[in-house]
Protein backbone atom coordinates (compact mmCIF):
# COMPACT_ATOMS: atom_id res chain seq x y z
CA MET A 1 -26.65 -5.47 1.46
CA GLY A 2 -23.10 -4.04 1.37
CA VAL A 3 -21.33 -2.30 4.19
CA ARG A 4 -21.86 1.46 4.06
CA VAL A 5 -18.59 3.39 4.05
CA SER A 6 -18.72 6.74 5.86
CA THR A 7 -17.52 9.93 4.19
CA LYS A 8 -14.84 10.16 6.88
CA ASP A 9 -13.49 6.73 5.90
CA LYS A 10 -13.65 7.66 2.20
CA ILE A 11 -11.57 10.78 2.89
CA LEU A 12 -8.99 8.76 4.84
CA GLU A 13 -8.77 6.18 2.04
CA LEU A 14 -8.43 8.89 -0.63
CA LEU A 15 -5.62 10.56 1.31
CA LYS A 16 -3.92 7.19 1.77
CA LYS A 17 -3.99 6.61 -1.98
CA GLU A 18 -3.40 10.12 -3.31
CA THR A 19 -1.09 11.24 -0.45
CA ASN A 20 -1.95 14.96 -0.70
CA LEU A 21 -5.28 16.55 -1.66
CA THR A 22 -6.95 19.96 -1.50
CA VAL A 23 -10.55 20.63 -0.49
CA SER A 24 -11.41 21.15 -4.17
CA GLN A 25 -9.87 17.81 -5.17
CA LEU A 26 -11.64 15.97 -2.34
CA SER A 27 -14.91 17.59 -3.37
CA LYS A 28 -14.52 16.26 -6.93
CA PHE A 29 -13.51 12.76 -5.78
CA LEU A 30 -16.43 12.49 -3.34
CA GLY A 31 -19.07 14.28 -5.36
CA ILE A 32 -20.04 16.55 -2.46
CA THR A 33 -19.71 20.30 -1.91
CA GLU A 34 -16.53 21.91 -0.64
CA MET A 35 -18.46 23.12 2.40
CA ALA A 36 -19.41 19.52 3.23
CA VAL A 37 -15.80 18.42 2.77
CA ARG A 38 -14.59 21.14 5.15
CA LYS A 39 -17.00 19.95 7.86
CA HIS A 40 -15.56 16.44 7.68
CA LEU A 41 -11.98 17.75 7.59
CA THR A 42 -12.64 19.80 10.72
CA VAL A 43 -13.67 16.64 12.58
CA LEU A 44 -10.67 14.68 11.25
CA GLU A 45 -8.31 17.52 12.20
CA ARG A 46 -9.82 17.62 15.71
CA ASP A 47 -9.11 13.88 16.01
CA SER A 48 -5.44 14.48 15.02
CA LEU A 49 -5.82 12.45 11.83
CA LEU A 50 -4.66 15.14 9.38
CA THR A 51 -1.53 17.06 8.51
CA ILE A 52 -2.15 20.42 6.83
CA THR A 53 0.42 22.13 4.66
CA GLU A 54 0.05 25.59 3.17
CA VAL A 55 1.27 26.02 -0.40
CA ARG A 56 1.85 29.56 -1.61
CA GLN A 57 0.08 30.59 -4.81
CA PRO A 58 1.18 33.25 -7.35
CA MET A 59 -1.93 35.19 -6.39
CA GLY A 60 -4.40 35.03 -3.54
CA ARG A 61 -4.33 33.12 -0.27
CA PRO A 62 -2.07 30.08 0.29
CA LEU A 63 -3.60 26.74 -0.70
CA GLN A 64 -4.21 24.25 2.10
CA VAL A 65 -3.14 20.69 1.25
CA TYR A 66 -4.28 17.81 3.43
CA SER A 67 -2.47 14.53 4.11
CA LEU A 68 -2.68 11.78 6.72
CA SER A 69 -0.98 12.16 10.08
CA SER A 70 1.10 9.29 11.47
CA GLN A 71 -1.81 8.59 13.84
CA ALA A 72 -4.17 8.12 10.88
CA ASP A 73 -1.67 5.86 9.13
CA GLU A 74 -1.83 3.52 12.12
CA MET A 75 -5.56 2.98 11.43
CA PHE A 76 -4.73 0.95 8.33
CA PRO A 77 -3.80 -2.73 8.57
CA ASN A 78 -0.35 -3.24 10.07
CA SER A 79 -0.73 -6.63 11.66
CA TYR A 80 1.63 -7.88 14.38
CA GLU A 81 4.34 -5.38 13.48
CA THR A 82 5.68 -4.26 16.84
CA LEU A 83 5.82 -7.77 18.25
CA ALA A 84 7.32 -9.14 15.04
CA ILE A 85 10.11 -6.55 15.07
CA GLU A 86 11.00 -7.41 18.67
CA PHE A 87 11.16 -11.14 17.86
CA LEU A 88 13.24 -10.54 14.74
CA GLN A 89 15.69 -8.32 16.62
CA ASP A 90 16.05 -10.98 19.31
CA LEU A 91 16.67 -13.66 16.70
CA GLN A 92 19.24 -11.49 14.94
CA ASP A 93 21.06 -10.88 18.23
CA LEU A 94 21.13 -14.62 18.93
CA HIS A 95 21.86 -16.06 15.48
CA GLY A 96 22.93 -13.23 13.15
CA GLU A 97 21.27 -11.52 10.18
CA GLU A 98 21.34 -14.72 8.10
CA ILE A 99 18.52 -16.20 10.18
CA ILE A 100 16.29 -13.21 9.30
CA ASP A 101 16.92 -13.72 5.58
CA LEU A 102 16.07 -17.40 6.01
CA LEU A 103 12.80 -16.63 7.82
CA LEU A 104 11.72 -14.09 5.21
CA GLU A 105 12.53 -16.51 2.40
CA LYS A 106 10.53 -19.21 4.19
CA ARG A 107 7.56 -16.82 4.50
CA SER A 108 7.84 -16.01 0.79
CA GLU A 109 7.89 -19.71 -0.10
CA ARG A 110 4.78 -20.28 2.03
CA GLN A 111 3.01 -17.39 0.28
CA LYS A 112 3.98 -18.77 -3.12
CA ASN A 113 2.53 -22.16 -2.24
CA ASN A 114 -0.70 -20.49 -1.10
CA TYR A 115 -1.00 -18.28 -4.18
CA LEU A 116 -0.08 -20.81 -6.90
CA PRO A 117 -3.24 -22.98 -6.65
CA GLN A 118 -5.27 -19.82 -7.28
CA MET A 119 -3.37 -19.24 -10.54
CA GLN A 120 -4.16 -22.60 -12.13
CA ASN A 121 -5.84 -22.62 -15.56
CA LYS A 122 -5.51 -18.82 -15.87
CA ASN A 123 -3.85 -16.80 -18.61
CA PHE A 124 -1.38 -14.03 -17.79
CA ALA A 125 -3.97 -11.25 -17.52
CA GLU A 126 -6.16 -13.37 -15.25
CA LYS A 127 -3.18 -14.22 -13.04
CA VAL A 128 -2.29 -10.56 -12.57
CA HIS A 129 -5.89 -9.70 -11.68
CA GLN A 130 -5.99 -12.64 -9.25
CA LEU A 131 -2.77 -11.44 -7.61
CA LYS A 132 -4.33 -8.01 -7.12
CA GLU A 133 -7.41 -9.59 -5.51
CA ILE A 134 -5.27 -11.66 -3.13
CA GLN A 135 -3.21 -8.63 -2.09
CA LEU A 136 -6.37 -6.60 -1.64
CA LYS A 137 -7.79 -9.16 0.78
CA LYS A 138 -4.51 -9.20 2.70
CA GLY A 139 -4.74 -5.48 3.46
CA TYR A 140 -2.40 -4.06 0.82
CA MET A 141 -5.09 -1.75 -0.68
CA ALA A 142 -3.98 -3.03 -4.09
CA GLU A 143 -5.02 -1.58 -7.42
CA LEU A 144 -4.18 -2.70 -10.95
CA LYS A 145 -3.72 -0.56 -14.06
CA LYS A 146 -3.42 -1.99 -17.56
CA ILE A 147 -0.73 -0.20 -19.56
CA ASP A 148 -0.92 -2.36 -22.69
CA ASP A 149 -1.79 -5.96 -23.63
CA ASN A 150 1.39 -7.28 -22.02
CA THR A 151 2.06 -4.73 -19.27
CA TYR A 152 0.37 -3.93 -15.96
CA GLU A 153 1.10 -1.66 -13.03
CA LEU A 154 0.27 -3.05 -9.58
CA ILE A 155 0.03 -0.45 -6.81
CA GLU A 156 0.00 -1.28 -3.10
CA PHE A 157 -1.23 1.77 -1.18
CA ASN A 158 -0.75 0.09 2.19
CA CYS A 159 1.89 -2.26 3.55
CA PRO A 160 0.70 -4.43 6.47
CA ILE A 161 4.30 -5.32 7.33
CA PHE A 162 5.83 -1.88 6.73
CA THR A 163 7.77 -1.69 10.01
CA VAL A 164 9.35 -5.08 9.35
CA ALA A 165 10.13 -4.24 5.71
CA LYS A 166 11.58 -0.84 6.68
CA GLN A 167 14.12 -2.54 8.94
CA TYR A 168 14.63 -5.68 6.83
CA LYS A 169 14.65 -4.80 3.11
CA LYS A 170 14.91 -8.50 2.34
CA ALA A 171 11.11 -8.62 2.82
CA CYS A 172 10.68 -6.40 -0.25
CA SER A 173 12.92 -8.46 -2.53
CA CYS A 174 11.20 -11.64 -1.31
CA GLU A 175 7.81 -10.20 -2.23
CA THR A 176 9.03 -9.21 -5.71
CA ASN A 177 10.48 -12.68 -6.31
CA MET A 178 7.29 -14.30 -5.04
CA PHE A 179 5.29 -12.29 -7.59
CA LYS A 180 7.62 -13.53 -10.34
CA ASN A 181 7.09 -17.14 -9.27
CA VAL A 182 3.31 -17.04 -9.02
CA LEU A 183 2.86 -15.08 -12.27
CA GLY A 184 5.38 -17.14 -14.21
CA THR A 185 7.41 -14.19 -15.48
CA GLU A 186 10.81 -12.72 -14.59
CA LEU A 187 9.61 -9.30 -15.76
CA VAL A 188 8.37 -7.96 -12.43
CA LYS A 189 10.08 -4.72 -11.39
CA ARG A 190 9.46 -2.83 -8.16
CA VAL A 191 9.45 0.74 -9.44
CA THR A 192 8.87 2.51 -6.11
CA CYS A 193 8.84 1.31 -2.51
CA LYS A 194 7.40 2.72 0.71
CA THR A 195 10.54 1.66 2.58
CA ASP A 196 12.52 4.08 0.36
CA ASP A 197 10.20 6.90 1.55
CA GLU A 198 8.12 6.70 -1.62
CA ASP A 199 4.36 7.22 -1.28
CA HIS A 200 3.39 3.70 -2.39
CA CYS A 201 4.83 0.41 -3.65
CA ARG A 202 4.47 0.16 -7.43
CA PHE A 203 5.32 -2.81 -9.62
CA LEU A 204 5.67 -2.94 -13.38
CA ILE A 205 4.62 -6.42 -14.54
CA LYS A 206 5.12 -7.74 -18.06
CA ALA A 207 4.41 -11.06 -19.74
CA HIS A 208 7.25 -13.04 -21.26
């Protein structure tokens, strides 16, 4: 028997993925009435988990658009971040920025060695799907879209190490290079990145 996900959690996950949604859009996504959606939003707003923006319409009342508050964002996986940042800053003060690059490269190498055995005896499409599954389990809220037979878009709606990556962009380039190594293709491009104030991290992945 699977774990039952509450409507509240579904709303939070939808807002994490879609960034901004109206009551009408949430109603369609969830398959429940707008009145039911509003009841859940009232509770989430009371708990300081929502940000509400009013968008003016050509006619009629302004449209209310809902997004996650910073407090809600903290509910998603962000393992060890505060402590990690403090350690990294201390290391940088003691040994310079080069030591941070070295540590991030070492982490990337360790990830590659963990991912590669899971890619054995798989074709390109299977490798990309396996990568998505690994990232999903690691808290990245990953999704995969097939664009054509040789091209995929990988989307990471959450970044468990966002605070680290925001301060040390090397983490992002290490991740991109790690993807190239485990998939066996140089054609991995990070199209958008959360550390650049984009909504999500998106990768365009192509076969050789």
